Amino acid sequence: MSNGSSFEIIQQLRAIEQRSRPIATDLPTGVDDQDYLEGLLFTLVDRRMMVALSDVKEILNFPPAVTPVPGTKEWILGISNVRGNLLPLVDLQVFLGGRAIPHGRRNRVLVINHHDTQVGLSIGEVYGVRQFTEERRVEIPDIKGPVTKYLTGAFQLDDKTLPVFSMALLSESAGFQVAAA
């Protein structure tokens, strides 16, 4: 390009654009043609399950300090200061009638935010995030216990059937909303 006026530069750029159009290819849009569910795989009541990643705000290591809250049900672990915010912590397995989850380096806390209320759910291990298409949807396996009322479906992953745990059903249930003993 010459050191001409702005008008000349613009004209040259337009000419380059016109010559390039016939050989240009479309850029990827970032949108898949296929719908899928992104699921977070985790352990609960000795079983691998999944939750829609969109239902989880954050995944934390178990906090180093948890302050018990007197007068609450046994499944309320207490509150913890997470980056300056108080986060109530729940042992999800105890809530569902199971044994307490041991707090170790593999133990995780799923932070959910439902109707502007944040709660940390202590769970077993987290195994990662996977994408599931509708072709992988299967019937919910026969599972016994209180966890069944929070399941909304299941997906096949290799040789395992992963039930889908609904954080919305959990947080809207009357039993979960009443933490006072």
Protein backbone atom coordinates (compact mmCIF):
# COMPACT_ATOMS: atom_id res chain seq x y z
CA MET A 1 0.00 0.00 0.00
CA SER A 2 1.16 3.50 -0.74
CA ASN A 3 1.27 6.39 1.67
CA GLY A 4 -1.88 7.82 0.13
CA SER A 5 -4.94 9.31 1.68
CA SER A 6 -7.41 7.45 3.87
CA PHE A 7 -9.75 7.21 0.92
CA GLU A 8 -7.13 5.39 -1.17
CA ILE A 9 -6.35 2.97 1.66
CA ILE A 10 -10.04 2.15 2.09
CA GLN A 11 -10.37 1.58 -1.66
CA GLN A 12 -7.39 -0.80 -1.61
CA LEU A 13 -8.84 -2.73 1.34
CA ARG A 14 -12.16 -3.08 -0.48
CA ALA A 15 -10.36 -4.41 -3.56
CA ILE A 16 -8.56 -7.01 -1.43
CA GLU A 17 -11.84 -8.01 0.16
CA GLN A 18 -13.52 -8.45 -3.24
CA ARG A 19 -10.69 -10.67 -4.51
CA SER A 20 -10.78 -12.78 -1.31
CA ARG A 21 -14.51 -13.51 -1.15
CA PRO A 22 -14.64 -16.26 -3.79
CA ILE A 23 -12.01 -18.35 -1.95
CA ALA A 24 -13.10 -17.61 1.63
CA THR A 25 -14.56 -20.37 3.81
CA ASP A 26 -17.05 -19.89 6.59
CA LEU A 27 -15.66 -19.64 10.09
CA PRO A 28 -16.91 -22.16 12.62
CA THR A 29 -19.93 -20.86 14.48
CA GLY A 30 -19.22 -22.69 17.72
CA VAL A 31 -22.70 -24.18 17.64
CA ASP A 32 -23.14 -27.92 17.26
CA ASP A 33 -25.93 -29.25 15.11
CA GLN A 34 -26.62 -31.88 17.75
CA ASP A 35 -28.19 -31.16 21.14
CA TYR A 36 -26.50 -32.67 24.14
CA LEU A 37 -26.47 -32.52 27.91
CA GLU A 38 -23.23 -31.75 29.70
CA GLY A 39 -23.19 -33.89 32.81
CA LEU A 40 -20.93 -33.80 35.84
CA LEU A 41 -20.20 -37.36 37.00
CA PHE A 42 -19.97 -37.95 40.75
CA THR A 43 -20.50 -40.55 43.46
CA LEU A 44 -23.54 -40.52 45.73
CA VAL A 45 -24.89 -43.35 47.89
CA ASP A 46 -22.20 -45.68 46.56
CA ARG A 47 -23.31 -45.15 42.98
CA ARG A 48 -22.04 -43.11 40.07
CA MET A 49 -24.55 -40.49 39.02
CA MET A 50 -24.60 -37.33 37.02
CA VAL A 51 -26.02 -33.87 37.35
CA ALA A 52 -26.52 -31.33 34.58
CA LEU A 53 -23.48 -29.10 34.64
CA SER A 54 -25.80 -26.11 34.27
CA ASP A 55 -27.26 -26.97 37.73
CA VAL A 56 -23.86 -26.55 39.40
CA LYS A 57 -22.44 -23.12 40.05
CA GLU A 58 -19.06 -24.26 41.33
CA ILE A 59 -17.09 -27.31 42.46
CA LEU A 60 -14.97 -26.86 45.58
CA ASN A 61 -12.62 -28.91 47.70
CA PHE A 62 -14.13 -29.50 51.11
CA PRO A 63 -13.49 -26.30 53.12
CA PRO A 64 -10.86 -26.48 55.85
CA ALA A 65 -13.12 -24.86 58.45
CA VAL A 66 -16.81 -25.59 58.97
CA THR A 67 -18.71 -24.01 61.85
CA PRO A 68 -21.55 -26.18 63.21
CA VAL A 69 -24.97 -24.56 63.50
CA PRO A 70 -26.88 -25.62 66.65
CA GLY A 71 -30.48 -26.77 66.33
CA THR A 72 -30.19 -28.07 62.76
CA LYS A 73 -30.84 -31.49 61.30
CA GLU A 74 -28.05 -34.06 61.21
CA TRP A 75 -27.43 -33.55 57.50
CA ILE A 76 -26.50 -29.87 57.97
CA LEU A 77 -22.73 -29.85 58.38
CA GLY A 78 -22.60 -26.14 59.21
CA ILE A 79 -21.46 -23.00 57.47
CA SER A 80 -18.15 -22.12 55.93
CA ASN A 81 -16.55 -18.89 54.75
CA VAL A 82 -15.84 -19.27 51.05
CA ARG A 83 -14.12 -16.19 49.61
CA GLY A 84 -15.91 -13.90 52.06
CA ASN A 85 -19.37 -15.46 51.65
CA LEU A 86 -21.06 -17.74 54.17
CA LEU A 87 -22.01 -21.01 52.51
CA PRO A 88 -24.31 -23.52 54.23
CA LEU A 89 -22.95 -27.06 53.82
CA VAL A 90 -25.10 -30.18 53.54
CA ASP A 91 -24.04 -33.82 53.58
CA LEU A 92 -26.20 -34.91 50.66
CA GLN A 93 -25.74 -38.59 51.42
CA VAL A 94 -26.98 -38.20 55.03
CA PHE A 95 -29.94 -36.18 53.74
CA LEU A 96 -30.79 -39.14 51.52
CA GLY A 97 -30.64 -41.56 54.44
CA GLY A 98 -27.10 -42.85 53.85
CA ARG A 99 -23.95 -42.81 55.91
CA ALA A 100 -21.90 -39.64 56.33
CA ILE A 101 -19.36 -38.92 53.63
CA PRO A 102 -15.82 -38.97 55.01
CA HIS A 103 -14.10 -35.64 54.44
CA GLY A 104 -10.85 -36.26 52.62
CA ARG A 105 -8.89 -34.94 49.69
CA ARG A 106 -11.23 -36.63 47.16
CA ASN A 107 -14.39 -35.25 48.78
CA ARG A 108 -15.97 -32.36 46.86
CA VAL A 109 -18.64 -29.75 47.43
CA LEU A 110 -21.06 -28.90 44.63
CA VAL A 111 -22.34 -25.36 45.03
CA ILE A 112 -25.84 -24.92 43.69
CA ASN A 113 -27.72 -21.67 43.31
CA HIS A 114 -31.47 -22.03 43.21
CA HIS A 115 -33.77 -19.02 43.55
CA ASP A 116 -30.82 -16.90 44.75
CA THR A 117 -29.99 -19.31 47.56
CA GLN A 118 -26.55 -20.90 47.51
CA VAL A 119 -25.92 -24.23 49.20
CA GLY A 120 -22.84 -26.44 49.21
CA LEU A 121 -23.55 -30.16 48.85
CA SER A 122 -20.89 -32.51 50.14
CA ILE A 123 -20.61 -35.49 47.80
CA GLY A 124 -18.16 -38.28 47.09
CA GLU A 125 -15.70 -38.13 44.24
CA VAL A 126 -16.12 -36.14 41.03
CA TYR A 127 -15.15 -38.01 37.85
CA GLY A 128 -15.32 -35.23 35.30
CA VAL A 129 -17.68 -33.79 32.73
CA ARG A 130 -19.11 -35.68 29.77
CA GLN A 131 -21.49 -34.82 26.96
CA PHE A 132 -24.54 -37.00 26.44
CA THR A 133 -26.71 -37.03 23.34
CA GLU A 134 -30.35 -38.14 23.30
CA GLU A 135 -29.32 -41.44 21.69
CA ARG A 136 -27.63 -42.35 24.98
CA ARG A 137 -30.77 -41.72 27.07
CA VAL A 138 -32.05 -44.87 28.79
CA GLU A 139 -34.60 -45.72 31.44
CA ILE A 140 -33.81 -44.95 35.06
CA PRO A 141 -32.33 -48.07 36.67
CA ASP A 142 -34.13 -49.73 39.57
CA ILE A 143 -32.64 -47.93 42.56
CA LYS A 144 -34.04 -48.23 46.06
CA GLY A 145 -34.28 -45.46 48.62
CA PRO A 146 -35.07 -41.76 48.90
CA VAL A 147 -32.71 -40.80 46.05
CA THR A 148 -35.25 -42.03 43.48
CA LYS A 149 -37.54 -39.00 43.90
CA TYR A 150 -34.69 -36.73 42.75
CA LEU A 151 -33.87 -38.66 39.56
CA THR A 152 -35.11 -37.34 36.23
CA GLY A 153 -33.60 -39.76 33.74
CA ALA A 154 -30.48 -41.75 32.93
CA PHE A 155 -27.81 -42.00 30.27
CA GLN A 156 -25.61 -44.87 29.12
CA LEU A 157 -21.85 -44.40 29.39
CA ASP A 158 -19.84 -47.39 28.21
CA ASP A 159 -21.17 -50.27 30.34
CA LYS A 160 -22.66 -48.05 33.08
CA THR A 161 -26.07 -46.48 33.44
CA LEU A 162 -25.82 -43.05 35.05
CA PRO A 163 -28.96 -41.72 36.74
CA VAL A 164 -29.49 -37.95 36.42
CA PHE A 165 -29.83 -36.25 39.81
CA SER A 166 -31.96 -33.08 39.72
CA MET A 167 -30.71 -30.21 41.88
CA ALA A 168 -33.96 -28.35 41.15
CA LEU A 169 -36.10 -31.18 42.59
CA LEU A 170 -33.79 -31.36 45.60
CA SER A 171 -33.81 -27.65 46.38
CA GLU A 172 -37.59 -27.37 45.91
CA SER A 173 -38.41 -30.31 48.16
CA ALA A 174 -39.99 -29.45 51.47
CA GLY A 175 -37.67 -31.79 53.38
CA PHE A 176 -34.59 -30.00 52.05
CA GLN A 177 -35.92 -26.53 52.76
CA VAL A 178 -36.47 -27.19 56.47
CA ALA A 179 -33.10 -27.47 58.20
CA ALA A 180 -34.26 -26.88 61.79
CA ALA A 181 -34.24 -29.97 63.99
